[in-house]
Amino acid sequence: MRYLLFSRVISAVLLPLIVVACSTTQELDKNTPEGGYKLGEKLEKDERFEEALVQYTTVKNKFPYSKLATEAELRIAEIYFKRDEFIEAQNAYQVFKEMHPSYNRIDYVTYRLALSFFNQLPSTIDRDLSVAERAILYFDEVMQTYSRSEYVKDAAEHKRKALEMLAAKEYYIGNFYLIRDYWESALGRFENLLAKYPKLGFDAKALYGAATSAYQTKDLGKAKTYYQRLITEFKDSEEAQKARRELGSRI
């Protein structure tokens, strides 16, 4: 009896809400861009993402000359991003950017495109980091082309993180060659690290590696140059102390 009474109370409370929700959805005229777009928004808000994607796509295709078709296209990219489907998001933002270069929030679109690439980066540096270059390209565009954008600061922070990963991988490879006495290969990696990724926390390590590798390849000019930089610019570092012990009396 108590269960029956409880069920009736719950039904009395929830039924009006369900009716209101259904009637609200039914009142939207999907034959207009406004109604179709609002339905997509409602589905998205309710996290019915597959249905929202279908609805936004319908608005985009059925009303291609409406401003809401453009907004629906952007919402599609946003849903992919929300669901951590970053390859799909990247493609959607890319197409949007190419098709709507004068969009009033193109800085935001560019920023989200960069983030879509950035979020595809693996968690470890021993895997493919090629998407980092693409992310940096679009972070740079935000910072340079849309220098007054509210996303500039965040773009700069993410760019640095991407650069740090690339620098770490370059050092990882250089050190791999160094400890195996592949001196020429190691020297090339350390020089590339110094040229492309300065001031990211690897300078002292790269200078030590470059000085050591150059010395071993009998390129005493380079060895001395890198050694002098190391003991001058990072004189208190462990690498400088190690270089003094190993190379100080030889070059």
C-alpha atoms as a PDB file:
ATOM      1  CA  MET A   1       0.000   0.000   0.000  1.00  0.00           C
ATOM      2  CA  ARG A   2       2.808   2.399   0.952  1.00  0.00           C
ATOM      3  CA  TYR A   3       4.671   1.502  -2.262  1.00  0.00           C
ATOM      4  CA  LEU A   4       1.547   2.186  -4.337  1.00  0.00           C
ATOM      5  CA  LEU A   5       1.022   5.522  -2.631  1.00  0.00           C
ATOM      6  CA  PHE A   6       4.697   6.463  -3.136  1.00  0.00           C
ATOM      7  CA  SER A   7       4.478   5.545  -6.825  1.00  0.00           C
ATOM      8  CA  ARG A   8       1.420   7.738  -7.279  1.00  0.00           C
ATOM      9  CA  VAL A   9       3.162  10.679  -5.600  1.00  0.00           C
ATOM     10  CA  ILE A  10       6.235  10.303  -7.809  1.00  0.00           C
ATOM     11  CA  SER A  11       4.061  10.044 -10.897  1.00  0.00           C
ATOM     12  CA  ALA A  12       2.162  13.150  -9.901  1.00  0.00           C
ATOM     13  CA  VAL A  13       5.430  15.079  -9.562  1.00  0.00           C
ATOM     14  CA  LEU A  14       7.272  13.794 -12.642  1.00  0.00           C
ATOM     15  CA  LEU A  15       4.437  13.549 -15.135  1.00  0.00           C
ATOM     16  CA  PRO A  16       3.925  17.305 -15.502  1.00  0.00           C
ATOM     17  CA  LEU A  17       7.672  17.747 -16.008  1.00  0.00           C
ATOM     18  CA  ILE A  18       7.754  15.095 -18.706  1.00  0.00           C
ATOM     19  CA  VAL A  19       4.717  16.598 -20.405  1.00  0.00           C
ATOM     20  CA  VAL A  20       6.289  20.073 -20.316  1.00  0.00           C
ATOM     21  CA  ALA A  21       9.563  18.760 -21.756  1.00  0.00           C
ATOM     22  CA  CYS A  22       7.819  16.860 -24.518  1.00  0.00           C
ATOM     23  CA  SER A  23       5.501  19.730 -25.342  1.00  0.00           C
ATOM     24  CA  THR A  24       8.449  22.116 -25.445  1.00  0.00           C
ATOM     25  CA  THR A  25      10.209  19.868 -27.935  1.00  0.00           C
ATOM     26  CA  GLN A  26       7.043  19.401 -29.961  1.00  0.00           C
ATOM     27  CA  GLU A  27       6.378  23.144 -30.063  1.00  0.00           C
ATOM     28  CA  LEU A  28       9.681  23.713 -31.864  1.00  0.00           C
ATOM     29  CA  ASP A  29       9.091  23.993 -35.579  1.00  0.00           C
ATOM     30  CA  LYS A  30      11.863  21.958 -37.175  1.00  0.00           C
ATOM     31  CA  ASN A  31      10.875  23.350 -40.562  1.00  0.00           C
ATOM     32  CA  THR A  32      12.458  26.694 -39.655  1.00  0.00           C
ATOM     33  CA  PRO A  33      16.160  27.290 -39.003  1.00  0.00           C
ATOM     34  CA  GLU A  34      15.300  28.844 -35.629  1.00  0.00           C
ATOM     35  CA  GLY A  35      13.212  25.898 -34.460  1.00  0.00           C
ATOM     36  CA  GLY A  36      15.640  23.328 -35.797  1.00  0.00           C
ATOM     37  CA  TYR A  37      18.603  25.042 -34.168  1.00  0.00           C
ATOM     38  CA  LYS A  38      16.835  25.399 -30.812  1.00  0.00           C
ATOM     39  CA  LEU A  39      15.988  21.719 -30.904  1.00  0.00           C
ATOM     40  CA  GLY A  40      19.664  20.962 -31.485  1.00  0.00           C
ATOM     41  CA  GLU A  41      20.561  23.157 -28.509  1.00  0.00           C
ATOM     42  CA  LYS A  42      18.051  21.375 -26.293  1.00  0.00           C
ATOM     43  CA  LEU A  43      19.347  17.956 -27.316  1.00  0.00           C
ATOM     44  CA  GLU A  44      22.908  19.079 -26.703  1.00  0.00           C
ATOM     45  CA  LYS A  45      22.025  20.505 -23.284  1.00  0.00           C
ATOM     46  CA  ASP A  46      20.428  17.168 -22.378  1.00  0.00           C
ATOM     47  CA  GLU A  47      23.649  15.444 -23.514  1.00  0.00           C
ATOM     48  CA  ARG A  48      21.806  13.606 -26.258  1.00  0.00           C
ATOM     49  CA  PHE A  49      24.797  14.256 -28.429  1.00  0.00           C
ATOM     50  CA  GLU A  50      24.121  11.835 -31.281  1.00  0.00           C
ATOM     51  CA  GLU A  51      20.663  13.291 -31.786  1.00  0.00           C
ATOM     52  CA  ALA A  52      22.033  16.817 -31.503  1.00  0.00           C
ATOM     53  CA  LEU A  53      24.624  16.082 -34.205  1.00  0.00           C
ATOM     54  CA  VAL A  54      21.880  14.833 -36.503  1.00  0.00           C
ATOM     55  CA  GLN A  55      19.743  17.895 -35.799  1.00  0.00           C
ATOM     56  CA  TYR A  56      22.552  20.407 -36.335  1.00  0.00           C
ATOM     57  CA  THR A  57      23.528  18.637 -39.534  1.00  0.00           C
ATOM     58  CA  THR A  58      19.927  18.861 -40.720  1.00  0.00           C
ATOM     59  CA  VAL A  59      19.855  22.612 -40.043  1.00  0.00           C
ATOM     60  CA  LYS A  60      23.167  23.076 -41.855  1.00  0.00           C
ATOM     61  CA  ASN A  61      22.035  21.147 -44.903  1.00  0.00           C
ATOM     62  CA  LYS A  62      18.396  22.242 -45.028  1.00  0.00           C
ATOM     63  CA  PHE A  63      19.004  25.962 -44.470  1.00  0.00           C
ATOM     64  CA  PRO A  64      22.491  26.580 -45.929  1.00  0.00           C
ATOM     65  CA  TYR A  65      21.966  30.348 -46.317  1.00  0.00           C
ATOM     66  CA  SER A  66      20.821  30.938 -42.747  1.00  0.00           C
ATOM     67  CA  LYS A  67      23.198  32.362 -40.147  1.00  0.00           C
ATOM     68  CA  LEU A  68      22.053  29.546 -37.910  1.00  0.00           C
ATOM     69  CA  ALA A  69      23.420  27.045 -40.415  1.00  0.00           C
ATOM     70  CA  THR A  70      26.859  28.487 -39.696  1.00  0.00           C
ATOM     71  CA  GLU A  71      26.249  28.301 -35.955  1.00  0.00           C
ATOM     72  CA  ALA A  72      25.016  24.717 -36.297  1.00  0.00           C
ATOM     73  CA  GLU A  73      28.219  23.834 -38.122  1.00  0.00           C
ATOM     74  CA  LEU A  74      30.262  25.195 -35.234  1.00  0.00           C
ATOM     75  CA  ARG A  75      28.141  23.354 -32.677  1.00  0.00           C
ATOM     76  CA  ILE A  76      28.978  20.100 -34.454  1.00  0.00           C
ATOM     77  CA  ALA A  77      32.684  20.768 -33.888  1.00  0.00           C
ATOM     78  CA  GLU A  78      31.976  21.689 -30.274  1.00  0.00           C
ATOM     79  CA  ILE A  79      30.148  18.446 -29.589  1.00  0.00           C
ATOM     80  CA  TYR A  80      33.060  16.409 -30.937  1.00  0.00           C
ATOM     81  CA  PHE A  81      35.379  18.409 -28.674  1.00  0.00           C
ATOM     82  CA  LYS A  82      33.097  17.868 -25.655  1.00  0.00           C
ATOM     83  CA  ARG A  83      33.219  14.127 -26.258  1.00  0.00           C
ATOM     84  CA  ASP A  84      37.028  14.123 -26.498  1.00  0.00           C
ATOM     85  CA  GLU A  85      36.808  13.070 -30.135  1.00  0.00           C
ATOM     86  CA  PHE A  86      39.659  15.368 -31.029  1.00  0.00           C
ATOM     87  CA  ILE A  87      40.417  14.091 -34.533  1.00  0.00           C
ATOM     88  CA  GLU A  88      36.800  14.650 -35.527  1.00  0.00           C
ATOM     89  CA  ALA A  89      36.820  18.035 -33.762  1.00  0.00           C
ATOM     90  CA  GLN A  90      40.023  19.023 -35.546  1.00  0.00           C
ATOM     91  CA  ASN A  91      38.508  18.190 -38.927  1.00  0.00           C
ATOM     92  CA  ALA A  92      35.276  20.033 -38.139  1.00  0.00           C
ATOM     93  CA  TYR A  93      37.041  23.187 -36.916  1.00  0.00           C
ATOM     94  CA  GLN A  94      39.397  23.069 -39.893  1.00  0.00           C
ATOM     95  CA  VAL A  95      36.534  22.936 -42.392  1.00  0.00           C
ATOM     96  CA  PHE A  96      34.673  25.673 -40.530  1.00  0.00           C
ATOM     97  CA  LYS A  97      37.751  27.916 -40.546  1.00  0.00           C
ATOM     98  CA  GLU A  98      38.256  27.415 -44.273  1.00  0.00           C
ATOM     99  CA  MET A  99      34.592  27.965 -45.128  1.00  0.00           C
ATOM    100  CA  HIS A 100      34.016  30.956 -42.819  1.00  0.00           C
ATOM    101  CA  PRO A 101      37.260  32.972 -42.608  1.00  0.00           C
ATOM    102  CA  SER A 102      35.336  36.157 -41.705  1.00  0.00           C
ATOM    103  CA  TYR A 103      33.343  34.619 -38.883  1.00  0.00           C
ATOM    104  CA  ASN A 104      33.117  37.046 -35.973  1.00  0.00           C
ATOM    105  CA  ARG A 105      34.705  34.535 -33.558  1.00  0.00           C
ATOM    106  CA  ILE A 106      37.327  33.123 -35.865  1.00  0.00           C
ATOM    107  CA  ASP A 107      39.961  33.637 -33.145  1.00  0.00           C
ATOM    108  CA  TYR A 108      38.015  31.224 -30.955  1.00  0.00           C
ATOM    109  CA  VAL A 109      37.673  28.718 -33.794  1.00  0.00           C
ATOM    110  CA  THR A 110      41.423  28.895 -34.447  1.00  0.00           C
ATOM    111  CA  TYR A 111      42.152  28.436 -30.753  1.00  0.00           C
ATOM    112  CA  ARG A 112      39.873  25.398 -30.533  1.00  0.00           C
ATOM    113  CA  LEU A 113      41.474  23.981 -33.675  1.00  0.00           C
ATOM    114  CA  ALA A 114      44.887  24.321 -32.018  1.00  0.00           C
ATOM    115  CA  LEU A 115      43.566  22.669 -28.849  1.00  0.00           C
ATOM    116  CA  SER A 116      42.140  19.807 -30.899  1.00  0.00           C
ATOM    117  CA  PHE A 117      45.629  19.075 -32.211  1.00  0.00           C
ATOM    118  CA  PHE A 118      47.201  19.625 -28.780  1.00  0.00           C
ATOM    119  CA  ASN A 119      44.796  17.195 -27.103  1.00  0.00           C
ATOM    120  CA  GLN A 120      45.850  14.463 -29.536  1.00  0.00           C
ATOM    121  CA  LEU A 121      49.370  14.492 -28.094  1.00  0.00           C
ATOM    122  CA  PRO A 122      50.344  11.275 -26.309  1.00  0.00           C
ATOM    123  CA  SER A 123      51.134  11.264 -22.614  1.00  0.00           C
ATOM    124  CA  THR A 124      54.751  10.180 -23.171  1.00  0.00           C
ATOM    125  CA  ILE A 125      57.476  11.619 -25.402  1.00  0.00           C
ATOM    126  CA  ASP A 126      58.575   8.279 -26.843  1.00  0.00           C
ATOM    127  CA  ARG A 127      55.591   8.279 -29.192  1.00  0.00           C
ATOM    128  CA  ASP A 128      54.729  10.286 -32.311  1.00  0.00           C
ATOM    129  CA  LEU A 129      54.571  14.019 -31.515  1.00  0.00           C
ATOM    130  CA  SER A 130      53.982  15.288 -35.049  1.00  0.00           C
ATOM    131  CA  VAL A 131      50.637  16.877 -34.133  1.00  0.00           C
ATOM    132  CA  ALA A 132      52.532  19.228 -31.804  1.00  0.00           C
ATOM    133  CA  GLU A 133      53.814  21.171 -34.806  1.00  0.00           C
ATOM    134  CA  ARG A 134      50.264  21.640 -36.105  1.00  0.00           C
ATOM    135  CA  ALA A 135      49.065  22.767 -32.688  1.00  0.00           C
ATOM    136  CA  ILE A 136      51.911  25.293 -32.446  1.00  0.00           C
ATOM    137  CA  LEU A 137      51.074  26.614 -35.914  1.00  0.00           C
ATOM    138  CA  TYR A 138      47.550  27.557 -34.854  1.00  0.00           C
ATOM    139  CA  PHE A 139      48.521  28.755 -31.393  1.00  0.00           C
ATOM    140  CA  ASP A 140      50.922  31.110 -33.174  1.00  0.00           C
ATOM    141  CA  GLU A 141      48.110  32.292 -35.423  1.00  0.00           C
ATOM    142  CA  VAL A 142      45.984  33.146 -32.393  1.00  0.00           C
ATOM    143  CA  MET A 143      48.878  35.046 -30.810  1.00  0.00           C
ATOM    144  CA  GLN A 144      49.996  36.893 -33.936  1.00  0.00           C
ATOM    145  CA  THR A 145      46.906  37.377 -36.101  1.00  0.00           C
ATOM    146  CA  TYR A 146      44.436  37.871 -33.252  1.00  0.00           C
ATOM    147  CA  SER A 147      46.781  39.524 -30.758  1.00  0.00           C
ATOM    148  CA  ARG A 148      43.889  41.174 -28.865  1.00  0.00           C
ATOM    149  CA  SER A 149      41.998  37.925 -28.451  1.00  0.00           C
ATOM    150  CA  GLU A 150      41.115  36.714 -24.973  1.00  0.00           C
ATOM    151  CA  TYR A 151      42.671  33.382 -25.922  1.00  0.00           C
ATOM    152  CA  VAL A 152      46.209  34.699 -26.499  1.00  0.00           C
ATOM    153  CA  LYS A 153      47.463  33.974 -22.986  1.00  0.00           C
ATOM    154  CA  ASP A 154      46.143  30.426 -22.967  1.00  0.00           C
ATOM    155  CA  ALA A 155      47.467  29.851 -26.482  1.00  0.00           C
ATOM    156  CA  ALA A 156      50.933  30.913 -25.325  1.00  0.00           C
ATOM    157  CA  GLU A 157      50.804  28.549 -22.344  1.00  0.00           C
ATOM    158  CA  HIS A 158      49.760  25.595 -24.473  1.00  0.00           C
ATOM    159  CA  LYS A 159      52.349  26.427 -27.106  1.00  0.00           C
ATOM    160  CA  ARG A 160      55.069  26.288 -24.458  1.00  0.00           C
ATOM    161  CA  LYS A 161      53.834  22.900 -23.245  1.00  0.00           C
ATOM    162  CA  ALA A 162      53.946  21.559 -26.802  1.00  0.00           C
ATOM    163  CA  LEU A 163      57.461  22.953 -27.298  1.00  0.00           C
ATOM    164  CA  GLU A 164      58.591  21.409 -24.017  1.00  0.00           C
ATOM    165  CA  MET A 165      57.429  18.005 -25.201  1.00  0.00           C
ATOM    166  CA  LEU A 166      59.278  18.396 -28.499  1.00  0.00           C
ATOM    167  CA  ALA A 167      62.395  19.566 -26.676  1.00  0.00           C
ATOM    168  CA  ALA A 168      62.212  16.648 -24.256  1.00  0.00           C
ATOM    169  CA  LYS A 169      61.965  14.202 -27.136  1.00  0.00           C
ATOM    170  CA  GLU A 170      64.920  15.786 -28.948  1.00  0.00           C
ATOM    171  CA  TYR A 171      67.003  15.496 -25.781  1.00  0.00           C
ATOM    172  CA  TYR A 172      65.818  11.924 -25.246  1.00  0.00           C
ATOM    173  CA  ILE A 173      67.018  10.936 -28.733  1.00  0.00           C
ATOM    174  CA  GLY A 174      70.262  12.886 -28.409  1.00  0.00           C
ATOM    175  CA  ASN A 175      71.052  11.244 -25.089  1.00  0.00           C
ATOM    176  CA  PHE A 176      70.166   7.837 -26.549  1.00  0.00           C
ATOM    177  CA  TYR A 177      72.886   8.348 -29.158  1.00  0.00           C
ATOM    178  CA  LEU A 178      75.308   9.865 -26.651  1.00  0.00           C
ATOM    179  CA  ILE A 179      75.346   6.947 -24.219  1.00  0.00           C
ATOM    180  CA  ARG A 180      75.844   4.541 -27.135  1.00  0.00           C
ATOM    181  CA  ASP A 181      78.792   6.537 -28.521  1.00  0.00           C
ATOM    182  CA  TYR A 182      77.017   7.541 -31.740  1.00  0.00           C
ATOM    183  CA  TRP A 183      78.742  10.888 -31.543  1.00  0.00           C
ATOM    184  CA  GLU A 184      77.782  12.463 -34.879  1.00  0.00           C
ATOM    185  CA  SER A 185      74.102  11.579 -34.495  1.00  0.00           C
ATOM    186  CA  ALA A 186      74.139  12.843 -30.917  1.00  0.00           C
ATOM    187  CA  LEU A 187      75.793  16.117 -31.942  1.00  0.00           C
ATOM    188  CA  GLY A 188      73.146  16.744 -34.607  1.00  0.00           C
ATOM    189  CA  ARG A 189      70.328  16.227 -32.128  1.00  0.00           C
ATOM    190  CA  PHE A 190      71.854  18.444 -29.444  1.00  0.00           C
ATOM    191  CA  GLU A 191      72.539  21.216 -31.949  1.00  0.00           C
ATOM    192  CA  ASN A 192      68.961  20.967 -33.196  1.00  0.00           C
ATOM    193  CA  LEU A 193      67.733  21.152 -29.607  1.00  0.00           C
ATOM    194  CA  LEU A 194      69.752  24.317 -28.977  1.00  0.00           C
ATOM    195  CA  ALA A 195      68.596  25.945 -32.226  1.00  0.00           C
ATOM    196  CA  LYS A 196      64.894  25.079 -32.177  1.00  0.00           C
ATOM    197  CA  TYR A 197      64.006  24.756 -28.494  1.00  0.00           C
ATOM    198  CA  PRO A 198      66.044  27.226 -26.440  1.00  0.00           C
ATOM    199  CA  LYS A 199      65.093  28.348 -22.931  1.00  0.00           C
ATOM    200  CA  LEU A 200      62.845  25.397 -22.245  1.00  0.00           C
ATOM    201  CA  GLY A 201      64.958  23.829 -19.526  1.00  0.00           C
ATOM    202  CA  PHE A 202      67.282  21.745 -21.693  1.00  0.00           C
ATOM    203  CA  ASP A 203      70.018  24.248 -22.595  1.00  0.00           C
ATOM    204  CA  ALA A 204      72.634  23.066 -20.085  1.00  0.00           C
ATOM    205  CA  LYS A 205      72.056  19.416 -20.920  1.00  0.00           C
ATOM    206  CA  ALA A 206      72.185  20.139 -24.655  1.00  0.00           C
ATOM    207  CA  LEU A 207      75.389  22.177 -24.348  1.00  0.00           C
ATOM    208  CA  TYR A 208      77.070  19.413 -22.379  1.00  0.00           C
ATOM    209  CA  GLY A 209      75.959  16.817 -24.916  1.00  0.00           C
ATOM    210  CA  ALA A 210      77.055  18.972 -27.842  1.00  0.00           C
ATOM    211  CA  ALA A 211      80.453  19.745 -26.310  1.00  0.00           C
ATOM    212  CA  THR A 212      81.101  16.086 -25.494  1.00  0.00           C
ATOM    213  CA  SER A 213      79.924  14.816 -28.886  1.00  0.00           C
ATOM    214  CA  ALA A 214      81.920  17.444 -30.782  1.00  0.00           C
ATOM    215  CA  TYR A 215      85.053  16.571 -28.798  1.00  0.00           C
ATOM    216  CA  GLN A 216      84.625  12.890 -29.612  1.00  0.00           C
ATOM    217  CA  THR A 217      84.232  13.651 -33.337  1.00  0.00           C
ATOM    218  CA  LYS A 218      87.494  15.680 -33.172  1.00  0.00           C
ATOM    219  CA  ASP A 219      85.647  18.931 -33.929  1.00  0.00           C
ATOM    220  CA  LEU A 220      87.539  20.864 -31.273  1.00  0.00           C
ATOM    221  CA  GLY A 221      86.263  24.245 -32.472  1.00  0.00           C
ATOM    222  CA  LYS A 222      82.647  23.289 -31.808  1.00  0.00           C
ATOM    223  CA  ALA A 223      83.587  21.495 -28.616  1.00  0.00           C
ATOM    224  CA  LYS A 224      85.246  24.601 -27.235  1.00  0.00           C
ATOM    225  CA  THR A 225      82.359  26.857 -28.292  1.00  0.00           C
ATOM    226  CA  TYR A 226      79.731  24.721 -26.582  1.00  0.00           C
ATOM    227  CA  TYR A 227      81.947  24.175 -23.538  1.00  0.00           C
ATOM    228  CA  GLN A 228      82.496  27.920 -23.074  1.00  0.00           C
ATOM    229  CA  ARG A 229      78.795  28.625 -23.388  1.00  0.00           C
ATOM    230  CA  LEU A 230      78.017  25.973 -20.819  1.00  0.00           C
ATOM    231  CA  ILE A 231      80.464  27.130 -18.157  1.00  0.00           C
ATOM    232  CA  THR A 232      79.543  30.783 -18.770  1.00  0.00           C
ATOM    233  CA  GLU A 233      75.765  30.677 -19.062  1.00  0.00           C
ATOM    234  CA  PHE A 234      75.174  27.770 -16.661  1.00  0.00           C
ATOM    235  CA  LYS A 235      78.284  27.905 -14.524  1.00  0.00           C
ATOM    236  CA  ASP A 236      76.632  26.434 -11.414  1.00  0.00           C
ATOM    237  CA  SER A 237      74.841  23.590 -13.193  1.00  0.00           C
ATOM    238  CA  GLU A 238      75.699  19.921 -12.747  1.00  0.00           C
ATOM    239  CA  GLU A 239      76.447  19.771 -16.464  1.00  0.00           C
ATOM    240  CA  ALA A 240      78.997  22.581 -16.195  1.00  0.00           C
ATOM    241  CA  GLN A 241      80.754  20.857 -13.292  1.00  0.00           C
ATOM    242  CA  LYS A 242      80.805  17.574 -15.185  1.00  0.00           C
ATOM    243  CA  ALA A 243      82.139  19.260 -18.324  1.00  0.00           C
ATOM    244  CA  ARG A 244      84.954  20.917 -16.351  1.00  0.00           C
ATOM    245  CA  ARG A 245      86.043  17.529 -15.011  1.00  0.00           C
ATOM    246  CA  GLU A 246      85.822  15.725 -18.344  1.00  0.00           C
ATOM    247  CA  LEU A 247      86.771  18.384 -20.899  1.00  0.00           C
ATOM    248  CA  GLY A 248      88.325  21.304 -19.058  1.00  0.00           C
ATOM    249  CA  SER A 249      91.930  20.227 -19.528  1.00  0.00           C
ATOM    250  CA  ARG A 250      91.445  18.875 -23.051  1.00  0.00           C
ATOM    251  CA  ILE A 251      90.040  21.766 -25.033  1.00  0.00           C
END
